Amino acid sequence: MLLDGGKRSGLQVVPATWLEDSFKPAVRINDRRQYGYHWYLSDALLDRPEGRRRERMIGAFGNGGQRLLVFPGLDLIVVVTAGNYNSRDQGEGPARVLNDVVLPNLR
């Protein structure tokens, strides 16, 4: 639904314009990240045989390391569930899954 303009099995579940608007930057967090409407917006760095490139990433982050990461340009969604609640390093596990497993294995 997130990659298909708000549609699920051809049925419009969420207005496409609402998704588009929510994926636009509303607040700058730092040089690398921005925030839309309930989504963190940034780029992921991909090492490809043809060279390095940045890919747009839209993410929802929850306590404990829960992650929903959307890569529109790759037609990819990554979901990580974890239970490292209320810990300062709760993002390390999901970051390793993304950077050490998922992204290096994209063809």
Protein backbone atom coordinates (compact mmCIF):
# COMPACT_ATOMS: atom_id res chain seq x y z
CA MET A 1 0.00 0.00 0.00
CA LEU A 2 2.86 2.39 0.84
CA LEU A 3 4.59 1.66 -2.47
CA ASP A 4 1.39 1.68 -4.54
CA GLY A 5 0.07 5.20 -3.89
CA GLY A 6 -2.21 4.11 -1.05
CA LYS A 7 -3.82 1.20 -2.89
CA ARG A 8 -4.20 -2.37 -1.68
CA SER A 9 -5.35 -4.93 -4.25
CA GLY A 10 -6.59 -2.09 -6.45
CA LEU A 11 -8.67 -0.51 -3.66
CA GLN A 12 -7.72 3.03 -2.53
CA VAL A 13 -7.20 2.61 1.23
CA VAL A 14 -5.34 5.86 1.94
CA PRO A 15 -5.50 8.92 -0.32
CA ALA A 16 -2.38 9.07 -2.51
CA THR A 17 -2.05 12.82 -1.88
CA TRP A 18 -2.02 12.21 1.89
CA LEU A 19 0.86 9.76 1.53
CA GLU A 20 2.74 12.12 -0.79
CA ASP A 21 2.28 14.99 1.67
CA SER A 22 3.30 12.89 4.67
CA PHE A 23 6.53 11.84 2.90
CA LYS A 24 7.58 15.47 2.32
CA PRO A 25 10.01 17.13 4.73
CA ALA A 26 8.30 19.31 7.35
CA VAL A 27 11.19 19.70 9.84
CA ARG A 28 14.97 19.37 9.47
CA ILE A 29 16.45 17.23 12.26
CA ASN A 30 20.10 17.47 11.20
CA ASP A 31 22.18 17.47 8.01
CA ARG A 32 21.20 13.89 7.21
CA ARG A 33 17.61 13.54 8.44
CA GLN A 34 14.30 15.32 8.14
CA TYR A 35 10.86 14.60 9.47
CA GLY A 36 7.62 14.48 7.51
CA TYR A 37 4.24 13.75 9.06
CA HIS A 38 5.12 10.79 11.34
CA TRP A 39 7.92 9.63 9.02
CA TYR A 40 11.67 10.08 9.26
CA LEU A 41 13.14 10.98 5.88
CA SER A 42 16.74 10.32 4.87
CA ASP A 43 18.94 8.54 2.36
CA ALA A 44 20.63 5.15 2.62
CA LEU A 45 24.04 4.69 1.05
CA LEU A 46 24.22 1.73 -1.33
CA ASP A 47 27.47 0.19 -2.53
CA ARG A 48 26.70 -1.18 -5.98
CA PRO A 49 28.99 -2.72 -8.62
CA GLU A 50 28.49 0.44 -10.67
CA GLY A 51 29.48 2.60 -7.67
CA ARG A 52 28.02 4.18 -4.56
CA ARG A 53 24.68 5.91 -4.64
CA ARG A 54 22.12 7.29 -2.24
CA GLU A 55 18.61 5.89 -2.12
CA ARG A 56 15.62 7.67 -0.57
CA MET A 57 14.47 6.08 2.68
CA ILE A 58 11.22 6.76 4.56
CA GLY A 59 11.07 5.28 8.04
CA ALA A 60 8.88 4.79 11.07
CA PHE A 61 10.80 4.06 14.29
CA GLY A 62 9.32 2.53 17.41
CA ASN A 63 10.61 1.84 20.90
CA GLY A 64 12.75 -1.27 21.22
CA GLY A 65 14.16 -1.18 17.71
CA GLN A 66 10.91 -1.56 15.77
CA ARG A 67 11.46 -0.28 12.24
CA LEU A 68 9.40 0.13 9.08
CA LEU A 69 11.68 1.31 6.27
CA VAL A 70 10.33 2.19 2.84
CA PHE A 71 12.60 2.51 -0.21
CA PRO A 72 10.35 3.75 -3.05
CA GLY A 73 13.14 3.72 -5.65
CA LEU A 74 13.93 0.07 -4.90
CA ASP A 75 10.30 -1.07 -4.55
CA LEU A 76 11.37 -2.39 -1.13
CA ILE A 77 9.98 -2.35 2.39
CA VAL A 78 12.04 -3.62 5.32
CA VAL A 79 10.38 -4.47 8.64
CA VAL A 80 12.44 -5.17 11.76
CA THR A 81 10.85 -6.23 15.02
CA ALA A 82 12.98 -6.17 18.16
CA GLY A 83 12.60 -5.99 21.92
CA ASN A 84 15.45 -3.82 23.14
CA TYR A 85 13.02 -1.47 24.90
CA ASN A 86 14.02 1.82 26.52
CA SER A 87 17.69 1.29 25.69
CA ARG A 88 19.95 3.95 24.20
CA ASP A 89 21.38 1.38 21.75
CA GLN A 90 18.01 0.04 20.57
CA GLY A 91 18.71 1.18 17.00
CA GLU A 92 21.96 -0.74 16.61
CA GLY A 93 20.38 -4.12 15.83
CA PRO A 94 18.01 -2.78 13.16
CA ALA A 95 20.85 -0.73 11.63
CA ARG A 96 22.99 -3.88 11.38
CA VAL A 97 20.13 -5.82 9.76
CA LEU A 98 19.73 -3.06 7.18
CA ASN A 99 23.39 -2.23 6.52
CA ASP A 100 25.00 -5.68 6.92
CA VAL A 101 22.28 -7.97 5.54
CA VAL A 102 19.59 -6.27 3.43
CA LEU A 103 21.34 -3.50 1.49
CA PRO A 104 24.52 -5.45 0.57
CA ASN A 105 22.41 -8.27 -0.85
CA LEU A 106 20.28 -6.22 -3.21
CA ARG A 107 20.87 -7.11 -6.84
